[in-house]
Amino acid sequence: MVPTERNVSVQIIFALLGFTDYPELQIPLLLIFLFMYIITVVGNLGMIVLINTNTKFHSPMYFFLSHLSFVDFCYSTIITPKLLENLIQADKTILYFSCLLQYFLSCVAVVTESYLLAVMAYDRFVAIRNPLLYTVAISQRLCILLVTGSYFLGTFSPLILLCYALQLNFSGFNIINHFFCEYTALIAVSSSDIHISSLLLFCFATFNEVSTLLMILTSYAFIFVTVLKIKSTSGRRKAFSTCASHLTAITIFHGTILSLYCVPNSKNSRQAVKVASVFYTVVNPMLNPLIYSLRNKDVKEAVQKLVGTKVALH
């Protein structure tokens, strides 16, 4: 298909409706999201710096965690600045290609994160199953292949969806009932038939969720069986504690994605979709570094040493 002359000759502009239904909450929301974005940037960049500068963290687990922090930082930076801008400015427009770029980059980040979380589950399985051969089984070459594969798979389906979105017809001015260029909200304002685009989104989202969750559940099934074979209570506790942070991150992330894209939503639930979207676009990137640092003794000690304080983190 080729874009119509109308799409080529007329400048297409989108307006992000955001949270304009609640004008009295604009300033409180601005302050809340700004605070969360600062925590996200400091937390994720801090984790990346800490992991790459401290030899104690030069292991497969932290290698994967540094990439998770990178994806979370990018994801939040793609979404939040525009959200903050729209909360304080009357002009809430975004150009056609800027909107499609925001959709594409944010979608790449979220799909990549789902595969990274699956890779981290496999990493935990190997570490608990055979800790003495952990660094041999998860070699540097394998780490690079797994991360590269996550980025590749994270790009594939968003790229296909982008190609279909580029074929859709839009009028000159379009109001998107969302705070960012989320795919379902974006194609909803098109004058074209969006049946194929919607079906593709559902299929890709379901495939990515099922495949990554299957890898995660399989890894943790083997982990559970392995832990049950550990005779000492302290050994079991230590094994489960290494997985607690990862399980928390998985629950928050996949719970939101499943509810939004793999379960049919009511046509009257757009506000609920916005609120749910906040969790995986703003809240989750902020929580991940906190989850992994607050539950990790080595990270807490390294942070204390880095900032030069003896105050314990709780």
Protein backbone atom coordinates (compact mmCIF):
# COMPACT_ATOMS: atom_id res chain seq x y z
CA MET A 1 0.00 0.00 0.00
CA VAL A 2 1.13 3.57 -0.67
CA PRO A 3 0.17 6.59 1.47
CA THR A 4 -2.47 8.75 -0.19
CA GLU A 5 -1.70 12.20 -1.62
CA ARG A 6 -3.64 13.67 1.27
CA ASN A 7 -1.21 12.18 3.79
CA VAL A 8 1.75 13.49 1.79
CA SER A 9 0.50 17.02 1.09
CA VAL A 10 -1.20 17.81 4.39
CA GLN A 11 0.84 18.10 7.56
CA ILE A 12 -0.48 15.55 10.01
CA ILE A 13 -0.50 16.63 13.65
CA PHE A 14 -1.59 14.77 16.75
CA ALA A 15 -2.69 16.18 20.09
CA LEU A 16 -2.15 14.06 23.19
CA LEU A 17 -5.21 14.44 25.41
CA GLY A 18 -3.36 13.09 28.44
CA PHE A 19 -5.00 13.82 31.79
CA THR A 20 -6.87 16.96 30.70
CA ASP A 21 -10.09 15.47 32.10
CA TYR A 22 -8.74 16.43 35.53
CA PRO A 23 -7.49 20.05 35.24
CA GLU A 24 -7.25 20.42 39.02
CA LEU A 25 -4.72 17.56 39.10
CA GLN A 26 -2.32 18.93 36.48
CA ILE A 27 0.16 20.46 38.95
CA PRO A 28 0.05 17.57 41.48
CA LEU A 29 0.54 15.09 38.64
CA LEU A 30 3.41 17.18 37.28
CA LEU A 31 5.19 17.11 40.64
CA ILE A 32 4.57 13.39 41.13
CA PHE A 33 5.75 12.39 37.65
CA LEU A 34 8.75 14.73 37.84
CA PHE A 35 9.81 13.20 41.15
CA MET A 36 9.37 9.69 39.75
CA TYR A 37 11.36 10.56 36.62
CA ILE A 38 14.26 11.93 38.69
CA ILE A 39 14.30 8.74 40.77
CA THR A 40 14.18 6.69 37.57
CA VAL A 41 17.10 8.51 35.94
CA VAL A 42 19.27 8.54 39.07
CA GLY A 43 18.42 4.93 39.97
CA ASN A 44 18.97 3.37 36.56
CA LEU A 45 22.02 5.39 35.55
CA GLY A 46 23.40 4.78 39.06
CA MET A 47 22.98 1.02 38.62
CA ILE A 48 24.72 1.14 35.23
CA VAL A 49 27.68 3.14 36.61
CA LEU A 50 27.93 0.95 39.70
CA ILE A 51 27.91 -2.31 37.72
CA ASN A 52 30.44 -1.13 35.15
CA THR A 53 32.90 0.48 37.60
CA ASN A 54 32.88 -2.11 40.39
CA THR A 55 34.65 -5.41 39.59
CA LYS A 56 32.47 -7.16 42.18
CA PHE A 57 29.55 -6.81 39.77
CA HIS A 58 31.32 -8.15 36.67
CA SER A 59 29.16 -11.26 36.52
CA PRO A 60 26.39 -12.43 34.14
CA MET A 61 23.57 -11.49 36.56
CA TYR A 62 24.72 -7.88 36.83
CA PHE A 63 25.51 -7.73 33.11
CA PHE A 64 21.84 -8.48 32.39
CA LEU A 65 20.74 -6.09 35.13
CA SER A 66 22.77 -3.24 33.60
CA HIS A 67 20.97 -3.74 30.30
CA LEU A 68 17.61 -3.85 32.09
CA SER A 69 18.50 -0.52 33.72
CA PHE A 70 19.52 0.90 30.32
CA VAL A 71 16.21 -0.15 28.75
CA ASP A 72 14.24 1.28 31.70
CA PHE A 73 16.13 4.59 31.47
CA CYS A 74 15.50 4.83 27.71
CA TYR A 75 11.86 3.82 28.10
CA SER A 76 11.14 6.42 30.75
CA THR A 77 13.00 9.13 28.81
CA ILE A 78 10.99 8.37 25.67
CA ILE A 79 7.67 8.82 27.51
CA THR A 80 7.97 11.02 30.60
CA PRO A 81 9.47 14.32 29.30
CA LYS A 82 6.61 14.72 26.81
CA LEU A 83 4.12 13.80 29.55
CA LEU A 84 5.59 16.50 31.82
CA GLU A 85 5.57 19.05 29.01
CA ASN A 86 1.89 18.42 28.26
CA LEU A 87 0.98 18.86 31.94
CA ILE A 88 2.23 22.46 31.96
CA GLN A 89 1.62 23.59 28.38
CA ALA A 90 -1.65 24.35 26.66
CA ASP A 91 -0.21 23.20 23.32
CA LYS A 92 -0.27 19.42 23.48
CA THR A 93 0.51 18.71 19.83
CA ILE A 94 3.11 16.31 18.50
CA LEU A 95 4.11 15.91 14.86
CA TYR A 96 3.19 12.79 12.89
CA PHE A 97 6.69 11.32 12.60
CA SER A 98 7.55 12.29 16.17
CA CYS A 99 4.48 10.41 17.37
CA LEU A 100 5.33 7.31 15.34
CA LEU A 101 8.93 7.47 16.57
CA GLN A 102 7.76 7.69 20.18
CA TYR A 103 5.49 4.69 19.66
CA PHE A 104 8.24 2.66 17.96
CA LEU A 105 11.01 3.36 20.50
CA SER A 106 8.74 2.82 23.50
CA CYS A 107 7.42 -0.44 22.05
CA VAL A 108 10.96 -1.66 21.33
CA ALA A 109 11.90 -0.91 24.94
CA VAL A 110 8.92 -2.73 26.48
CA VAL A 111 9.29 -5.86 24.31
CA THR A 112 13.06 -5.92 24.88
CA GLU A 113 12.47 -5.70 28.63
CA SER A 114 10.12 -8.69 28.53
CA TYR A 115 12.83 -10.81 26.90
CA LEU A 116 15.53 -9.51 29.24
CA LEU A 117 13.40 -10.57 32.22
CA ALA A 118 13.10 -14.04 30.66
CA VAL A 119 16.87 -14.19 30.16
CA MET A 120 17.39 -13.17 33.79
CA ALA A 121 15.09 -16.01 34.91
CA TYR A 122 17.24 -18.49 32.98
CA ASP A 123 20.36 -16.94 34.52
CA ARG A 124 18.94 -17.45 38.05
CA PHE A 125 18.12 -21.07 37.20
CA VAL A 126 21.70 -21.81 36.11
CA ALA A 127 23.14 -20.00 39.15
CA ILE A 128 21.03 -22.03 41.60
CA ARG A 129 21.19 -25.35 39.71
CA ASN A 130 24.98 -25.42 39.42
CA PRO A 131 26.64 -22.47 41.21
CA LEU A 132 30.17 -23.90 40.86
CA LEU A 133 29.94 -23.92 37.05
CA TYR A 134 27.83 -20.76 36.80
CA THR A 135 30.41 -18.53 35.12
CA VAL A 136 31.34 -21.37 32.76
CA ALA A 137 27.74 -22.16 31.76
CA ILE A 138 26.82 -18.49 31.36
CA SER A 139 29.91 -17.38 29.46
CA GLN A 140 30.57 -13.84 28.27
CA ARG A 141 29.84 -14.92 24.71
CA LEU A 142 26.48 -16.41 25.74
CA CYS A 143 25.63 -13.25 27.70
CA ILE A 144 26.24 -11.11 24.62
CA LEU A 145 24.18 -13.47 22.44
CA LEU A 146 21.25 -13.48 24.88
CA VAL A 147 21.21 -9.68 25.21
CA THR A 148 21.61 -9.19 21.44
CA GLY A 149 18.75 -11.63 20.87
CA SER A 150 16.56 -9.69 23.32
CA TYR A 151 17.18 -6.43 21.45
CA PHE A 152 16.55 -8.11 18.09
CA LEU A 153 13.28 -9.70 19.20
CA GLY A 154 12.35 -6.42 20.87
CA THR A 155 12.69 -4.62 17.53
CA PHE A 156 11.03 -7.15 15.22
CA SER A 157 7.32 -6.91 16.14
CA PRO A 158 7.31 -3.10 16.76
CA LEU A 159 8.89 -2.65 13.32
CA ILE A 160 6.14 -4.72 11.64
CA LEU A 161 3.47 -2.74 13.48
CA LEU A 162 5.17 0.52 12.49
CA CYS A 163 5.09 -0.51 8.82
CA TYR A 164 1.33 -1.06 9.06
CA ALA A 165 0.83 2.21 10.96
CA LEU A 166 2.61 4.09 8.16
CA GLN A 167 -0.01 2.83 5.71
CA LEU A 168 -2.93 4.26 7.70
CA ASN A 169 -4.68 7.47 6.66
CA PHE A 170 -5.01 10.35 9.13
CA SER A 171 -6.67 13.72 8.83
CA GLY A 172 -4.69 16.92 9.36
CA PHE A 173 -5.42 17.20 13.10
CA ASN A 174 -6.05 14.19 15.34
CA ILE A 175 -6.75 13.94 19.06
CA ILE A 176 -5.19 10.91 20.75
CA ASN A 177 -6.92 9.99 23.99
CA HIS A 178 -3.71 9.05 25.82
CA PHE A 179 -0.64 10.67 27.40
CA PHE A 180 1.75 9.17 24.82
CA CYS A 181 1.55 7.68 21.33
CA GLU A 182 0.40 4.25 22.44
CA TYR A 183 -0.40 2.00 19.49
CA THR A 184 -4.11 1.29 20.12
CA ALA A 185 -4.82 4.97 20.85
CA LEU A 186 -2.82 6.02 17.78
CA ILE A 187 -4.55 3.78 15.24
CA ALA A 188 -7.96 4.52 16.79
CA VAL A 189 -7.93 8.02 15.25
CA SER A 190 -7.18 6.73 11.75
CA SER A 191 -9.81 6.88 9.03
CA SER A 192 -8.53 3.58 7.60
CA ASP A 193 -9.65 0.07 8.48
CA ILE A 194 -7.58 -0.86 11.52
CA HIS A 195 -8.71 -4.47 11.79
CA ILE A 196 -5.41 -5.92 10.57
CA SER A 197 -3.33 -3.54 12.71
CA SER A 198 -5.36 -4.40 15.83
CA LEU A 199 -5.14 -8.12 15.09
CA LEU A 200 -1.39 -7.93 14.57
CA LEU A 201 -0.95 -6.08 17.86
CA PHE A 202 -2.95 -8.71 19.72
CA CYS A 203 -1.03 -11.57 18.05
CA PHE A 204 2.42 -10.04 18.65
CA ALA A 205 1.59 -9.04 22.23
CA THR A 206 0.22 -12.50 22.99
CA PHE A 207 3.17 -14.25 21.36
CA ASN A 208 5.73 -12.13 23.22
CA GLU A 209 3.93 -12.57 26.53
CA VAL A 210 3.35 -16.31 26.16
CA SER A 211 6.90 -17.03 24.97
CA THR A 212 8.62 -14.94 27.66
CA LEU A 213 6.32 -16.10 30.46
CA LEU A 214 6.80 -19.71 29.35
CA MET A 215 10.58 -19.27 29.61
CA ILE A 216 10.19 -17.62 33.02
CA LEU A 217 7.78 -20.23 34.41
CA THR A 218 9.91 -23.10 33.10
CA SER A 219 13.05 -21.62 34.67
CA TYR A 220 11.32 -21.09 38.01
CA ALA A 221 9.78 -24.57 37.94
CA PHE A 222 13.31 -26.01 37.72
CA ILE A 223 14.49 -23.53 40.37
CA PHE A 224 11.71 -24.66 42.73
CA VAL A 225 12.59 -28.33 42.24
CA THR A 226 16.28 -27.58 42.79
CA VAL A 227 15.64 -25.56 45.94
CA LEU A 228 13.50 -28.36 47.41
CA LYS A 229 16.53 -30.65 47.13
CA ILE A 230 18.63 -28.31 49.29
CA LYS A 231 18.74 -29.83 52.77
CA SER A 232 19.66 -26.77 54.85
CA THR A 233 17.02 -24.15 55.65
CA SER A 234 19.55 -21.32 55.29
CA GLY A 235 20.50 -22.62 51.84
CA ARG A 236 16.89 -22.64 50.74
CA ARG A 237 16.35 -19.14 52.11
CA LYS A 238 19.43 -17.83 50.30
CA ALA A 239 18.34 -19.45 47.03
CA PHE A 240 14.83 -17.95 47.24
CA SER A 241 16.20 -14.52 48.22
CA THR A 242 18.23 -14.36 44.99
CA CYS A 243 14.98 -14.73 43.04
CA ALA A 244 12.72 -12.47 45.11
CA SER A 245 13.71 -9.20 43.39
CA HIS A 246 13.34 -10.69 39.93
CA LEU A 247 9.92 -12.19 40.73
CA THR A 248 8.71 -8.82 42.05
CA ALA A 249 9.79 -7.05 38.84
CA ILE A 250 8.17 -9.76 36.69
CA THR A 251 4.85 -9.56 38.56
CA ILE A 252 4.53 -5.79 38.17
CA PHE A 253 5.64 -5.69 34.54
CA HIS A 254 3.82 -8.69 33.07
CA GLY A 255 0.69 -8.18 35.17
CA THR A 256 0.16 -4.77 33.59
CA ILE A 257 1.02 -5.85 30.03
CA LEU A 258 -1.29 -8.85 30.18
CA SER A 259 -4.22 -6.78 31.42
CA LEU A 260 -3.73 -4.16 28.69
CA TYR A 261 -2.88 -6.08 25.53
CA CYS A 262 -3.75 -9.76 25.98
CA VAL A 263 -7.23 -9.36 27.49
CA PRO A 264 -10.06 -7.61 25.60
CA ASN A 265 -10.76 -4.18 27.12
CA SER A 266 -14.06 -2.41 27.42
CA LYS A 267 -14.58 0.52 25.07
CA ASN A 268 -15.45 2.65 28.08
CA SER A 269 -12.22 1.90 29.95
CA ARG A 270 -9.88 4.45 28.34
CA GLN A 271 -9.18 6.16 31.68
CA ALA A 272 -8.41 2.80 33.23
CA VAL A 273 -6.05 2.07 30.34
CA LYS A 274 -4.25 5.37 30.95
CA VAL A 275 -3.81 4.62 34.64
CA ALA A 276 -2.61 1.08 33.92
CA SER A 277 -0.21 2.44 31.29
CA VAL A 278 1.37 4.67 33.94
CA PHE A 279 2.52 1.54 35.77
CA TYR A 280 4.59 0.08 32.95
CA THR A 281 5.76 3.39 31.44
CA VAL A 282 6.55 5.46 34.55
CA VAL A 283 6.28 3.38 37.73
CA ASN A 284 8.02 0.17 36.63
CA PRO A 285 11.22 1.86 35.32
CA MET A 286 11.45 3.68 38.67
CA LEU A 287 10.83 0.59 40.80
CA ASN A 288 13.27 -1.80 39.11
CA PRO A 289 16.52 -0.24 40.39
CA LEU A 290 14.94 0.18 43.84
CA ILE A 291 13.77 -3.45 43.91
CA TYR A 292 17.16 -4.82 42.89
CA SER A 293 19.21 -2.49 45.11
CA LEU A 294 17.16 -2.58 48.32
CA ARG A 295 17.03 -6.39 48.30
CA ASN A 296 20.71 -6.84 47.39
CA LYS A 297 23.30 -6.62 50.17
CA ASP A 298 26.23 -6.23 47.77
CA VAL A 299 24.55 -3.35 45.93
CA LYS A 300 23.68 -1.58 49.19
CA GLU A 301 27.27 -1.87 50.41
CA ALA A 302 28.63 -0.63 47.07
CA VAL A 303 26.25 2.34 47.09
CA GLN A 304 27.34 3.26 50.62
CA LYS A 305 30.97 3.09 49.56
CA LEU A 306 30.30 5.08 46.40
CA VAL A 307 28.59 7.97 48.17
CA GLY A 308 31.00 7.80 51.08
CA THR A 309 28.47 7.21 53.81
CA LYS A 310 28.15 4.60 56.54
CA VAL A 311 24.41 5.04 56.85
CA ALA A 312 22.74 1.71 56.13
CA LEU A 313 20.10 1.57 53.38
CA HIS A 314 16.81 0.07 54.50
